[in-house]
Amino acid sequence: MQIYRGTIDLLDYVFYATTERGRVYETGAFIHNYALVYALGLVRSSTYTYTHLRQEPHYEEELAPLNSCLYITPGTPQHVAHRLVQWNTLSEKYALPGKPPSLGYPDWGFARVLRPGSRFLFYLLVRDPAALPDAPALRDLLDGRPAWIRLGKFSGKARVQLQPADQVKEQKGPFFVESFLNWHDLKSDPVVCDVVVASLPTRLISRARFDNGEYYEACFGKDEVQLPAQMCFLARPVKRSPGGRR
C-alpha cells in the first residue's frame, strides 16, 4: 500500500450550496472526496452527453471500478475563510415569455463562498499502481509535480500537491482518525465520532475512534497518521428515494 498526503490550495472563490438559509446559500468547509475524484479526472461519466436533461448522479457505476486501485479521503480544512457575496439577475420574462427558470440559479440571493488561500488536506491510498486510471492530473501528482483542478459550481481554480509517506505499517487494534472520513465508504462503524452537518451527497465524519480493526499507520516526517484499512468507495451504497433523488 502506498499512501500520499495531499493539499488543496484554493486559488479562486469556490462555491457549492451545502446549506440554504432563506436567500443565503452557504459553502461547507470541506471538499467531498467524490467531488475530488471527478475534479482530478479519475472518472469519465458513463452517461456523458452534451446536454443533461435530468440531474442525476451515477456514483455506484462510476466510482466502484476505482476500488481495485485507489481510494481518496475527503478534504479536511486546515485553514479556511469565507466571503459573503450577492448576485441579482434580472428576469428575462420581458424577452422570453414562458421561459422556465434555470435549475439551481435563483434570481437573487447571497452566497457564502470559500476564499482563495483556503487549504484542505486529504489522503490518497494506492493499492495497485499498474491499474491506475490514465488521468494527466494524477500522473503529474505521482511524479512529484503540482496539478491544477476546478472545483465548485463556478469551477474555481485550485492547486493540488502530494507528499509520499516515509513509511506505511499495517496494524490491528484500536485507533483514532483526526481527519474527515466518508461514512458511506467505511465497512465498520466508529465507536464515537463528530458528524459534519449537511455534508452531501454522503455523510462525512471526523475525529473517529475505532474500538478494534485493521488500519494503516503512515509516517510523514514527525507526523503519524492512522487511516482505516478497508475504505472503499460506496462500501454502503447511497439509497435512492422513490423519485430517483439521493
C-alpha atoms as a PDB file:
ATOM      1  CA  MET A   1       0.000   0.000   0.000  1.00  0.00           C
ATOM      2  CA  GLN A   2       1.282   3.442  -0.975  1.00  0.00           C
ATOM      3  CA  ILE A   3      -0.136   6.416   0.936  1.00  0.00           C
ATOM      4  CA  TYR A   4       0.210  10.082  -0.013  1.00  0.00           C
ATOM      5  CA  ARG A   5      -0.792  13.199   1.901  1.00  0.00           C
ATOM      6  CA  GLY A   6      -2.303  15.805  -0.394  1.00  0.00           C
ATOM      7  CA  THR A   7      -3.033  19.514  -0.067  1.00  0.00           C
ATOM      8  CA  ILE A   8      -5.656  21.538  -1.934  1.00  0.00           C
ATOM      9  CA  ASP A   9      -4.945  25.276  -2.075  1.00  0.00           C
ATOM     10  CA  LEU A  10      -7.784  27.401  -3.430  1.00  0.00           C
ATOM     11  CA  LEU A  11      -6.657  29.995  -5.968  1.00  0.00           C
ATOM     12  CA  ASP A  12     -10.163  31.301  -6.643  1.00  0.00           C
ATOM     13  CA  TYR A  13     -13.521  31.636  -4.909  1.00  0.00           C
ATOM     14  CA  VAL A  14     -15.245  28.251  -4.624  1.00  0.00           C
ATOM     15  CA  PHE A  15     -18.992  27.871  -4.178  1.00  0.00           C
ATOM     16  CA  TYR A  16     -21.377  24.955  -3.751  1.00  0.00           C
ATOM     17  CA  ALA A  17     -24.624  25.110  -1.809  1.00  0.00           C
ATOM     18  CA  THR A  18     -24.227  22.994   1.323  1.00  0.00           C
ATOM     19  CA  THR A  19     -26.862  24.796   3.410  1.00  0.00           C
ATOM     20  CA  GLU A  20     -29.664  27.115   2.340  1.00  0.00           C
ATOM     21  CA  ARG A  21     -30.897  29.638   4.897  1.00  0.00           C
ATOM     22  CA  GLY A  22     -33.574  31.661   3.182  1.00  0.00           C
ATOM     23  CA  ARG A  23     -31.763  33.540   0.426  1.00  0.00           C
ATOM     24  CA  VAL A  24     -28.296  32.714   1.791  1.00  0.00           C
ATOM     25  CA  TYR A  25     -26.528  29.738   0.215  1.00  0.00           C
ATOM     26  CA  GLU A  26     -23.567  28.581   2.321  1.00  0.00           C
ATOM     27  CA  THR A  27     -20.497  26.606   1.211  1.00  0.00           C
ATOM     28  CA  GLY A  28     -19.318  23.975   3.687  1.00  0.00           C
ATOM     29  CA  ALA A  29     -15.737  23.934   4.959  1.00  0.00           C
ATOM     30  CA  PHE A  30     -14.823  20.633   3.308  1.00  0.00           C
ATOM     31  CA  ILE A  31     -14.095  19.128  -0.095  1.00  0.00           C
ATOM     32  CA  HIS A  32     -16.114  15.957  -0.602  1.00  0.00           C
ATOM     33  CA  ASN A  33     -13.997  13.054  -1.815  1.00  0.00           C
ATOM     34  CA  TYR A  34     -16.427  12.235  -4.641  1.00  0.00           C
ATOM     35  CA  ALA A  35     -16.074  15.799  -5.947  1.00  0.00           C
ATOM     36  CA  LEU A  36     -12.285  15.483  -5.714  1.00  0.00           C
ATOM     37  CA  VAL A  37     -12.316  12.243  -7.726  1.00  0.00           C
ATOM     38  CA  TYR A  38     -14.238  13.895 -10.560  1.00  0.00           C
ATOM     39  CA  ALA A  39     -12.128  17.076 -10.402  1.00  0.00           C
ATOM     40  CA  LEU A  40      -8.931  15.032 -10.811  1.00  0.00           C
ATOM     41  CA  GLY A  41     -10.372  13.389 -13.910  1.00  0.00           C
ATOM     42  CA  LEU A  42     -10.273   9.882 -12.444  1.00  0.00           C
ATOM     43  CA  VAL A  43     -13.807   9.150 -13.661  1.00  0.00           C
ATOM     44  CA  ARG A  44     -15.344   9.519 -17.079  1.00  0.00           C
ATOM     45  CA  SER A  45     -19.102   9.830 -16.836  1.00  0.00           C
ATOM     46  CA  SER A  46     -20.788   6.740 -18.236  1.00  0.00           C
ATOM     47  CA  THR A  47     -23.728   8.931 -19.237  1.00  0.00           C
ATOM     48  CA  TYR A  48     -21.704  11.714 -20.882  1.00  0.00           C
ATOM     49  CA  THR A  49     -23.739  13.853 -23.283  1.00  0.00           C
ATOM     50  CA  TYR A  50     -23.646  17.478 -24.294  1.00  0.00           C
ATOM     51  CA  THR A  51     -26.985  18.047 -22.551  1.00  0.00           C
ATOM     52  CA  HIS A  52     -28.202  16.639 -19.243  1.00  0.00           C
ATOM     53  CA  LEU A  53     -31.974  16.970 -19.143  1.00  0.00           C
ATOM     54  CA  ARG A  54     -32.055  15.227 -15.765  1.00  0.00           C
ATOM     55  CA  GLN A  55     -29.635  15.972 -12.934  1.00  0.00           C
ATOM     56  CA  GLU A  56     -28.992  12.515 -11.510  1.00  0.00           C
ATOM     57  CA  PRO A  57     -25.609  11.172 -10.312  1.00  0.00           C
ATOM     58  CA  HIS A  58     -24.307   7.676 -11.059  1.00  0.00           C
ATOM     59  CA  TYR A  59     -21.826   7.226  -8.222  1.00  0.00           C
ATOM     60  CA  GLU A  60     -22.075   3.438  -7.925  1.00  0.00           C
ATOM     61  CA  GLU A  61     -21.407   2.822 -11.620  1.00  0.00           C
ATOM     62  CA  GLU A  62     -18.604   5.384 -11.940  1.00  0.00           C
ATOM     63  CA  LEU A  63     -16.750   5.139  -8.605  1.00  0.00           C
ATOM     64  CA  ALA A  64     -16.856   1.395  -7.898  1.00  0.00           C
ATOM     65  CA  PRO A  65     -14.290   0.497 -10.631  1.00  0.00           C
ATOM     66  CA  LEU A  66     -11.676   2.609  -8.788  1.00  0.00           C
ATOM     67  CA  ASN A  67     -11.818   0.448  -5.667  1.00  0.00           C
ATOM     68  CA  SER A  68      -9.357  -2.065  -7.102  1.00  0.00           C
ATOM     69  CA  CYS A  69      -6.575   0.513  -7.472  1.00  0.00           C
ATOM     70  CA  LEU A  70      -7.050   3.581  -5.245  1.00  0.00           C
ATOM     71  CA  TYR A  71      -9.047   5.479  -2.652  1.00  0.00           C
ATOM     72  CA  ILE A  72      -9.183   9.202  -1.802  1.00  0.00           C
ATOM     73  CA  THR A  73     -10.397  10.644   1.505  1.00  0.00           C
ATOM     74  CA  PRO A  74     -12.407  13.902   1.801  1.00  0.00           C
ATOM     75  CA  GLY A  75     -10.593  17.221   2.090  1.00  0.00           C
ATOM     76  CA  THR A  76     -10.200  18.265   5.730  1.00  0.00           C
ATOM     77  CA  PRO A  77      -9.974  22.051   6.363  1.00  0.00           C
ATOM     78  CA  GLN A  78      -6.560  23.282   7.517  1.00  0.00           C
ATOM     79  CA  HIS A  79      -7.301  26.987   7.383  1.00  0.00           C
ATOM     80  CA  VAL A  80     -10.485  28.294   5.785  1.00  0.00           C
ATOM     81  CA  ALA A  81     -12.025  31.737   5.255  1.00  0.00           C
ATOM     82  CA  HIS A  82     -15.376  32.696   3.739  1.00  0.00           C
ATOM     83  CA  ARG A  83     -16.765  35.735   1.949  1.00  0.00           C
ATOM     84  CA  LEU A  84     -20.408  36.740   1.536  1.00  0.00           C
ATOM     85  CA  VAL A  85     -21.287  37.880  -1.994  1.00  0.00           C
ATOM     86  CA  GLN A  86     -24.592  38.880  -3.582  1.00  0.00           C
ATOM     87  CA  TRP A  87     -25.978  38.258  -7.042  1.00  0.00           C
ATOM     88  CA  ASN A  88     -29.046  39.804  -8.650  1.00  0.00           C
ATOM     89  CA  THR A  89     -30.073  38.641 -12.116  1.00  0.00           C
ATOM     90  CA  LEU A  90     -32.885  40.399 -13.953  1.00  0.00           C
ATOM     91  CA  SER A  91     -35.882  38.428 -15.092  1.00  0.00           C
ATOM     92  CA  GLU A  92     -35.976  37.526 -18.790  1.00  0.00           C
ATOM     93  CA  LYS A  93     -39.743  37.283 -18.987  1.00  0.00           C
ATOM     94  CA  TYR A  94     -39.992  40.512 -20.931  1.00  0.00           C
ATOM     95  CA  ALA A  95     -37.821  38.979 -23.666  1.00  0.00           C
ATOM     96  CA  LEU A  96     -38.645  35.278 -23.486  1.00  0.00           C
ATOM     97  CA  PRO A  97     -42.193  34.798 -22.209  1.00  0.00           C
ATOM     98  CA  GLY A  98     -42.823  31.401 -20.699  1.00  0.00           C
ATOM     99  CA  LYS A  99     -39.140  30.548 -20.315  1.00  0.00           C
ATOM    100  CA  PRO A 100     -38.721  28.118 -17.376  1.00  0.00           C
ATOM    101  CA  PRO A 101     -36.400  29.275 -14.569  1.00  0.00           C
ATOM    102  CA  SER A 102     -32.822  27.951 -14.539  1.00  0.00           C
ATOM    103  CA  LEU A 103     -32.423  24.994 -12.202  1.00  0.00           C
ATOM    104  CA  GLY A 104     -30.179  25.855  -9.266  1.00  0.00           C
ATOM    105  CA  TYR A 105     -29.768  29.552 -10.142  1.00  0.00           C
ATOM    106  CA  PRO A 106     -32.223  31.767  -8.212  1.00  0.00           C
ATOM    107  CA  ASP A 107     -32.906  35.302  -9.465  1.00  0.00           C
ATOM    108  CA  TRP A 108     -31.165  36.860  -6.492  1.00  0.00           C
ATOM    109  CA  GLY A 109     -29.560  35.922  -3.196  1.00  0.00           C
ATOM    110  CA  PHE A 110     -26.363  35.731  -1.180  1.00  0.00           C
ATOM    111  CA  ALA A 111     -23.597  33.143  -1.437  1.00  0.00           C
ATOM    112  CA  ARG A 112     -21.121  32.423   1.345  1.00  0.00           C
ATOM    113  CA  VAL A 113     -18.130  31.233  -0.666  1.00  0.00           C
ATOM    114  CA  LEU A 114     -14.697  29.864   0.212  1.00  0.00           C
ATOM    115  CA  ARG A 115     -11.947  32.461  -0.172  1.00  0.00           C
ATOM    116  CA  PRO A 116      -8.726  31.998  -2.138  1.00  0.00           C
ATOM    117  CA  GLY A 117      -5.943  30.874   0.178  1.00  0.00           C
ATOM    118  CA  SER A 118      -8.099  28.298   1.957  1.00  0.00           C
ATOM    119  CA  ARG A 119      -6.336  24.972   2.321  1.00  0.00           C
ATOM    120  CA  PHE A 120      -7.612  21.409   2.673  1.00  0.00           C
ATOM    121  CA  LEU A 121      -5.781  18.171   3.386  1.00  0.00           C
ATOM    122  CA  PHE A 122      -6.622  14.686   2.037  1.00  0.00           C
ATOM    123  CA  TYR A 123      -5.035  11.250   1.688  1.00  0.00           C
ATOM    124  CA  LEU A 124      -4.545   9.115  -1.400  1.00  0.00           C
ATOM    125  CA  LEU A 125      -4.230   5.356  -0.921  1.00  0.00           C
ATOM    126  CA  VAL A 126      -2.828   3.495  -3.932  1.00  0.00           C
ATOM    127  CA  ARG A 127      -3.490  -0.252  -3.901  1.00  0.00           C
ATOM    128  CA  ASP A 128      -2.377  -1.186  -7.413  1.00  0.00           C
ATOM    129  CA  PRO A 129      -0.199   1.362  -9.277  1.00  0.00           C
ATOM    130  CA  ALA A 130      -0.405  -0.655 -12.505  1.00  0.00           C
ATOM    131  CA  ALA A 131      -4.197  -0.341 -12.603  1.00  0.00           C
ATOM    132  CA  LEU A 132      -4.429   3.429 -12.015  1.00  0.00           C
ATOM    133  CA  PRO A 133      -6.585   5.381 -14.497  1.00  0.00           C
ATOM    134  CA  ASP A 134      -4.778   7.333 -17.202  1.00  0.00           C
ATOM    135  CA  ALA A 135      -5.502  10.790 -15.781  1.00  0.00           C
ATOM    136  CA  PRO A 136      -2.977  13.602 -16.531  1.00  0.00           C
ATOM    137  CA  ALA A 137      -3.547  15.294 -13.155  1.00  0.00           C
ATOM    138  CA  LEU A 138      -2.911  12.075 -11.239  1.00  0.00           C
ATOM    139  CA  ARG A 139       0.161  11.293 -13.329  1.00  0.00           C
ATOM    140  CA  ASP A 140       1.655  14.723 -12.592  1.00  0.00           C
ATOM    141  CA  LEU A 141       0.963  14.379  -8.868  1.00  0.00           C
ATOM    142  CA  LEU A 142       2.559  10.947  -8.575  1.00  0.00           C
ATOM    143  CA  ASP A 143       5.596  12.261 -10.478  1.00  0.00           C
ATOM    144  CA  GLY A 144       6.058  14.989  -7.865  1.00  0.00           C
ATOM    145  CA  ARG A 145       4.543  17.870  -9.839  1.00  0.00           C
ATOM    146  CA  PRO A 146       1.543  20.001  -8.779  1.00  0.00           C
ATOM    147  CA  ALA A 147      -1.758  19.717 -10.611  1.00  0.00           C
ATOM    148  CA  TRP A 148      -4.469  22.322 -11.134  1.00  0.00           C
ATOM    149  CA  ILE A 149      -8.136  21.411 -10.912  1.00  0.00           C
ATOM    150  CA  ARG A 150     -11.537  23.116 -10.932  1.00  0.00           C
ATOM    151  CA  LEU A 151     -13.972  22.891  -8.029  1.00  0.00           C
ATOM    152  CA  GLY A 152     -17.483  24.020  -7.228  1.00  0.00           C
ATOM    153  CA  LYS A 153     -20.466  25.289  -9.139  1.00  0.00           C
ATOM    154  CA  PHE A 154     -18.493  28.050 -10.851  1.00  0.00           C
ATOM    155  CA  SER A 155     -15.308  25.993 -11.466  1.00  0.00           C
ATOM    156  CA  GLY A 156     -12.950  27.814  -9.108  1.00  0.00           C
ATOM    157  CA  LYS A 157      -9.268  27.016  -9.657  1.00  0.00           C
ATOM    158  CA  ALA A 158      -7.233  25.079  -7.061  1.00  0.00           C
ATOM    159  CA  ARG A 159      -3.692  23.679  -6.816  1.00  0.00           C
ATOM    160  CA  VAL A 160      -3.127  20.106  -5.618  1.00  0.00           C
ATOM    161  CA  GLN A 161       0.162  18.620  -4.389  1.00  0.00           C
ATOM    162  CA  LEU A 162       1.128  15.211  -2.968  1.00  0.00           C
ATOM    163  CA  GLN A 163       3.701  14.088  -0.410  1.00  0.00           C
ATOM    164  CA  PRO A 164       4.512  10.347  -0.198  1.00  0.00           C
ATOM    165  CA  ALA A 165       4.599   8.704   3.210  1.00  0.00           C
ATOM    166  CA  ASP A 166       8.061   7.883   4.524  1.00  0.00           C
ATOM    167  CA  GLN A 167       6.782   4.605   5.944  1.00  0.00           C
ATOM    168  CA  VAL A 168       3.486   2.685   5.982  1.00  0.00           C
ATOM    169  CA  LYS A 169       2.698  -0.067   8.508  1.00  0.00           C
ATOM    170  CA  GLU A 170      -0.329  -2.363   8.679  1.00  0.00           C
ATOM    171  CA  GLN A 171      -1.666  -2.527  12.231  1.00  0.00           C
ATOM    172  CA  LYS A 172      -4.615  -4.031  14.089  1.00  0.00           C
ATOM    173  CA  GLY A 173      -6.290  -2.776  17.231  1.00  0.00           C
ATOM    174  CA  PRO A 174      -7.956   0.422  18.468  1.00  0.00           C
ATOM    175  CA  PHE A 175      -7.113   3.569  16.504  1.00  0.00           C
ATOM    176  CA  PHE A 176      -8.132   7.215  16.069  1.00  0.00           C
ATOM    177  CA  VAL A 177      -8.573   9.232  12.862  1.00  0.00           C
ATOM    178  CA  GLU A 178      -8.485  13.015  13.161  1.00  0.00           C
ATOM    179  CA  SER A 179      -9.229  13.873   9.509  1.00  0.00           C
ATOM    180  CA  PHE A 180     -12.544  13.711   7.660  1.00  0.00           C
ATOM    181  CA  LEU A 181     -13.869  10.309   6.567  1.00  0.00           C
ATOM    182  CA  ASN A 182     -16.812   9.355   4.379  1.00  0.00           C
ATOM    183  CA  TRP A 183     -19.232   7.273   6.464  1.00  0.00           C
ATOM    184  CA  HIS A 184     -20.586   5.507   3.362  1.00  0.00           C
ATOM    185  CA  ASP A 185     -17.045   4.362   2.471  1.00  0.00           C
ATOM    186  CA  LEU A 186     -16.454   2.614   5.816  1.00  0.00           C
ATOM    187  CA  LYS A 187     -17.203  -1.063   6.306  1.00  0.00           C
ATOM    188  CA  SER A 188     -17.400  -0.733  10.110  1.00  0.00           C
ATOM    189  CA  ASP A 189     -18.735   1.996  12.378  1.00  0.00           C
ATOM    190  CA  PRO A 190     -16.537   4.008  14.754  1.00  0.00           C
ATOM    191  CA  VAL A 191     -17.299   3.878  18.456  1.00  0.00           C
ATOM    192  CA  VAL A 192     -17.574   7.674  18.606  1.00  0.00           C
ATOM    193  CA  CYS A 193     -17.106  10.485  16.082  1.00  0.00           C
ATOM    194  CA  ASP A 194     -18.075  14.035  15.152  1.00  0.00           C
ATOM    195  CA  VAL A 195     -20.605  14.412  12.334  1.00  0.00           C
ATOM    196  CA  VAL A 196     -20.119  17.067   9.649  1.00  0.00           C
ATOM    197  CA  VAL A 197     -23.507  18.732   9.313  1.00  0.00           C
ATOM    198  CA  ALA A 198     -25.136  18.942   5.860  1.00  0.00           C
ATOM    199  CA  SER A 199     -22.364  17.142   4.011  1.00  0.00           C
ATOM    200  CA  LEU A 200     -23.747  15.983   0.679  1.00  0.00           C
ATOM    201  CA  PRO A 201     -24.044  13.677  -1.217  1.00  0.00           C
ATOM    202  CA  THR A 202     -22.984  11.403   1.673  1.00  0.00           C
ATOM    203  CA  ARG A 203     -22.340  11.922   5.360  1.00  0.00           C
ATOM    204  CA  LEU A 204     -18.837  12.953   6.448  1.00  0.00           C
ATOM    205  CA  ILE A 205     -17.417  12.366   9.922  1.00  0.00           C
ATOM    206  CA  SER A 206     -14.264  13.435  11.769  1.00  0.00           C
ATOM    207  CA  ARG A 207     -12.350  12.623  14.961  1.00  0.00           C
ATOM    208  CA  ALA A 208     -13.451   8.995  14.646  1.00  0.00           C
ATOM    209  CA  ARG A 209     -12.371   6.475  17.271  1.00  0.00           C
ATOM    210  CA  PHE A 210     -12.485   2.793  16.336  1.00  0.00           C
ATOM    211  CA  ASP A 211     -12.538   0.096  19.013  1.00  0.00           C
ATOM    212  CA  ASN A 212     -10.753  -2.586  17.017  1.00  0.00           C
ATOM    213  CA  GLY A 213      -9.871  -3.143  13.397  1.00  0.00           C
ATOM    214  CA  GLU A 214      -7.226  -3.099  10.701  1.00  0.00           C
ATOM    215  CA  TYR A 215      -5.623   0.236   9.920  1.00  0.00           C
ATOM    216  CA  TYR A 216      -2.614   1.829   8.270  1.00  0.00           C
ATOM    217  CA  GLU A 217      -0.091   3.898  10.178  1.00  0.00           C
ATOM    218  CA  ALA A 218       1.622   6.326   7.799  1.00  0.00           C
ATOM    219  CA  CYS A 219       4.594   8.495   8.769  1.00  0.00           C
ATOM    220  CA  PHE A 220       5.160  11.913   7.181  1.00  0.00           C
ATOM    221  CA  GLY A 221       8.291  13.210   8.851  1.00  0.00           C
ATOM    222  CA  LYS A 222       7.379  13.580  12.521  1.00  0.00           C
ATOM    223  CA  ASP A 223       3.646  13.215  11.831  1.00  0.00           C
ATOM    224  CA  GLU A 224       1.968   9.829  12.292  1.00  0.00           C
ATOM    225  CA  VAL A 225      -1.435   9.327  10.685  1.00  0.00           C
ATOM    226  CA  GLN A 226      -3.844   6.442  11.206  1.00  0.00           C
ATOM    227  CA  LEU A 227      -6.348   5.508   8.470  1.00  0.00           C
ATOM    228  CA  PRO A 228      -8.852   2.623   8.229  1.00  0.00           C
ATOM    229  CA  ALA A 229      -7.502  -0.160   6.025  1.00  0.00           C
ATOM    230  CA  GLN A 230     -10.769  -1.224   4.392  1.00  0.00           C
ATOM    231  CA  MET A 231     -12.067   2.060   2.991  1.00  0.00           C
ATOM    232  CA  CYS A 232     -13.580   1.882  -0.483  1.00  0.00           C
ATOM    233  CA  PHE A 233     -15.992   3.993  -2.494  1.00  0.00           C
ATOM    234  CA  LEU A 234     -19.601   3.289  -1.520  1.00  0.00           C
ATOM    235  CA  ALA A 235     -18.985   0.378   0.797  1.00  0.00           C
ATOM    236  CA  ARG A 236     -22.537   1.242   1.878  1.00  0.00           C
ATOM    237  CA  PRO A 237     -24.470   2.272  -1.274  1.00  0.00           C
ATOM    238  CA  VAL A 238     -26.419   5.535  -1.214  1.00  0.00           C
ATOM    239  CA  LYS A 239     -30.139   4.848  -1.009  1.00  0.00           C
ATOM    240  CA  ARG A 240     -32.389   6.312  -3.671  1.00  0.00           C
ATOM    241  CA  SER A 241     -35.672   7.974  -2.860  1.00  0.00           C
ATOM    242  CA  PRO A 242     -38.787   6.935  -4.843  1.00  0.00           C
ATOM    243  CA  GLY A 243     -38.334   9.969  -7.112  1.00  0.00           C
ATOM    244  CA  GLY A 244     -34.781   8.963  -8.046  1.00  0.00           C
ATOM    245  CA  ARG A 245     -33.074  11.591  -5.893  1.00  0.00           C
ATOM    246  CA  ARG A 246     -30.424  10.755  -3.267  1.00  0.00           C
END
